[in-house]
Amino acid sequence: MSQTLTPERVRADVAELLGCDPAEIEPDENLTDLGLDSVRTMVLVERWRAAGAATLEYPDLAEQPELAHWTELLTGGNA
């Protein structure tokens, strides 16, 4: 079952794995600096693939670990 990826969903998924409130994440903040490691990033890759981002790969996220970039990549919208 495919679910729609929205900017809110992307933010909420990241916040869940960081253990924080979604509003606490600044769009241009480095998510690695906030504690998002490679294992958690792979969890997001798999989650978002299941939700419809079938071509998403780990390097797509790792090269620029910022919420705004990820949101643009996954939804075409702003964080």
C-alpha atoms as a PDB file:
ATOM      1  CA  MET A   1       0.000   0.000   0.000  1.00  0.00           C
ATOM      2  CA  SER A   2       1.462   3.326  -1.065  1.00  0.00           C
ATOM      3  CA  GLN A   3       0.999   6.388   1.092  1.00  0.00           C
ATOM      4  CA  THR A   4       1.521   9.985   0.058  1.00  0.00           C
ATOM      5  CA  LEU A   5       4.712  11.630   1.203  1.00  0.00           C
ATOM      6  CA  THR A   6       4.029  15.164   2.368  1.00  0.00           C
ATOM      7  CA  PRO A   7       6.378  17.737   3.897  1.00  0.00           C
ATOM      8  CA  GLU A   8       4.632  17.140   7.222  1.00  0.00           C
ATOM      9  CA  ARG A   9       5.148  13.378   6.981  1.00  0.00           C
ATOM     10  CA  VAL A  10       8.834  13.761   6.117  1.00  0.00           C
ATOM     11  CA  ARG A  11       9.340  16.124   9.085  1.00  0.00           C
ATOM     12  CA  ALA A  12       7.401  13.845  11.435  1.00  0.00           C
ATOM     13  CA  ASP A  13       9.312  10.735  10.368  1.00  0.00           C
ATOM     14  CA  VAL A  14      12.666  12.450  10.920  1.00  0.00           C
ATOM     15  CA  ALA A  15      11.549  13.842  14.284  1.00  0.00           C
ATOM     16  CA  GLU A  16      10.352  10.407  15.400  1.00  0.00           C
ATOM     17  CA  LEU A  17      13.790   8.882  14.825  1.00  0.00           C
ATOM     18  CA  LEU A  18      15.519  11.832  16.482  1.00  0.00           C
ATOM     19  CA  GLY A  19      13.156  11.656  19.462  1.00  0.00           C
ATOM     20  CA  CYS A  20      12.101  15.278  19.249  1.00  0.00           C
ATOM     21  CA  ASP A  21       9.138  17.445  18.344  1.00  0.00           C
ATOM     22  CA  PRO A  22       8.875  18.053  14.583  1.00  0.00           C
ATOM     23  CA  ALA A  23       8.800  21.824  15.162  1.00  0.00           C
ATOM     24  CA  GLU A  24      12.263  21.648  16.748  1.00  0.00           C
ATOM     25  CA  ILE A  25      13.960  20.772  13.446  1.00  0.00           C
ATOM     26  CA  GLU A  26      15.097  23.743  11.390  1.00  0.00           C
ATOM     27  CA  PRO A  27      14.833  23.170   7.620  1.00  0.00           C
ATOM     28  CA  ASP A  28      18.539  23.860   6.941  1.00  0.00           C
ATOM     29  CA  GLU A  29      19.966  22.227  10.069  1.00  0.00           C
ATOM     30  CA  ASN A  30      22.346  19.304   9.530  1.00  0.00           C
ATOM     31  CA  LEU A  31      20.418  16.219  10.650  1.00  0.00           C
ATOM     32  CA  THR A  32      23.631  14.300  11.288  1.00  0.00           C
ATOM     33  CA  ASP A  33      24.604  16.961  13.814  1.00  0.00           C
ATOM     34  CA  LEU A  34      21.250  16.384  15.518  1.00  0.00           C
ATOM     35  CA  GLY A  35      22.042  12.688  15.938  1.00  0.00           C
ATOM     36  CA  LEU A  36      20.614  11.066  12.817  1.00  0.00           C
ATOM     37  CA  ASP A  37      23.095   8.297  12.032  1.00  0.00           C
ATOM     38  CA  SER A  38      23.390   6.048   8.981  1.00  0.00           C
ATOM     39  CA  VAL A  39      21.257   3.286  10.484  1.00  0.00           C
ATOM     40  CA  ARG A  40      18.374   5.664  11.168  1.00  0.00           C
ATOM     41  CA  THR A  41      18.787   7.189   7.717  1.00  0.00           C
ATOM     42  CA  MET A  42      18.431   3.715   6.188  1.00  0.00           C
ATOM     43  CA  VAL A  43      15.270   3.208   8.256  1.00  0.00           C
ATOM     44  CA  LEU A  44      13.904   6.370   6.629  1.00  0.00           C
ATOM     45  CA  VAL A  45      14.965   5.212   3.162  1.00  0.00           C
ATOM     46  CA  GLU A  46      13.080   1.950   3.612  1.00  0.00           C
ATOM     47  CA  ARG A  47      10.040   3.680   5.134  1.00  0.00           C
ATOM     48  CA  TRP A  48       9.855   6.216   2.316  1.00  0.00           C
ATOM     49  CA  ARG A  49      10.398   3.578  -0.378  1.00  0.00           C
ATOM     50  CA  ALA A  50       7.401   1.713   1.041  1.00  0.00           C
ATOM     51  CA  ALA A  51       5.433   4.965   0.882  1.00  0.00           C
ATOM     52  CA  GLY A  52       6.145   5.461  -2.803  1.00  0.00           C
ATOM     53  CA  ALA A  53       9.698   6.826  -3.192  1.00  0.00           C
ATOM     54  CA  ALA A  54      10.768   3.641  -4.969  1.00  0.00           C
ATOM     55  CA  THR A  55      13.976   5.028  -6.477  1.00  0.00           C
ATOM     56  CA  LEU A  56      15.257   6.614  -3.252  1.00  0.00           C
ATOM     57  CA  GLU A  57      18.781   5.535  -2.261  1.00  0.00           C
ATOM     58  CA  TYR A  58      20.864   6.197   0.859  1.00  0.00           C
ATOM     59  CA  PRO A  59      23.319   8.550  -0.948  1.00  0.00           C
ATOM     60  CA  ASP A  60      20.377  10.749  -2.009  1.00  0.00           C
ATOM     61  CA  LEU A  61      19.895  11.616   1.656  1.00  0.00           C
ATOM     62  CA  ALA A  62      23.459  11.320   2.949  1.00  0.00           C
ATOM     63  CA  GLU A  63      24.990  13.828   0.543  1.00  0.00           C
ATOM     64  CA  GLN A  64      22.913  16.677   1.973  1.00  0.00           C
ATOM     65  CA  PRO A  65      21.370  15.720   5.336  1.00  0.00           C
ATOM     66  CA  GLU A  66      19.026  18.675   5.700  1.00  0.00           C
ATOM     67  CA  LEU A  67      15.258  18.537   6.127  1.00  0.00           C
ATOM     68  CA  ALA A  68      14.655  21.124   3.391  1.00  0.00           C
ATOM     69  CA  HIS A  69      16.680  19.125   0.867  1.00  0.00           C
ATOM     70  CA  TRP A  70      15.002  15.845   1.787  1.00  0.00           C
ATOM     71  CA  THR A  71      11.548  17.416   1.607  1.00  0.00           C
ATOM     72  CA  GLU A  72      12.277  18.876  -1.828  1.00  0.00           C
ATOM     73  CA  LEU A  73      13.673  15.549  -3.013  1.00  0.00           C
ATOM     74  CA  LEU A  74      10.714  13.509  -1.760  1.00  0.00           C
ATOM     75  CA  THR A  75       7.762  15.849  -2.273  1.00  0.00           C
ATOM     76  CA  GLY A  76       8.888  18.685  -4.492  1.00  0.00           C
ATOM     77  CA  GLY A  77       7.825  21.051  -1.696  1.00  0.00           C
ATOM     78  CA  ASN A  78       9.407  23.090   1.073  1.00  0.00           C
ATOM     79  CA  ALA A  79      10.109  21.793   4.578  1.00  0.00           C
END
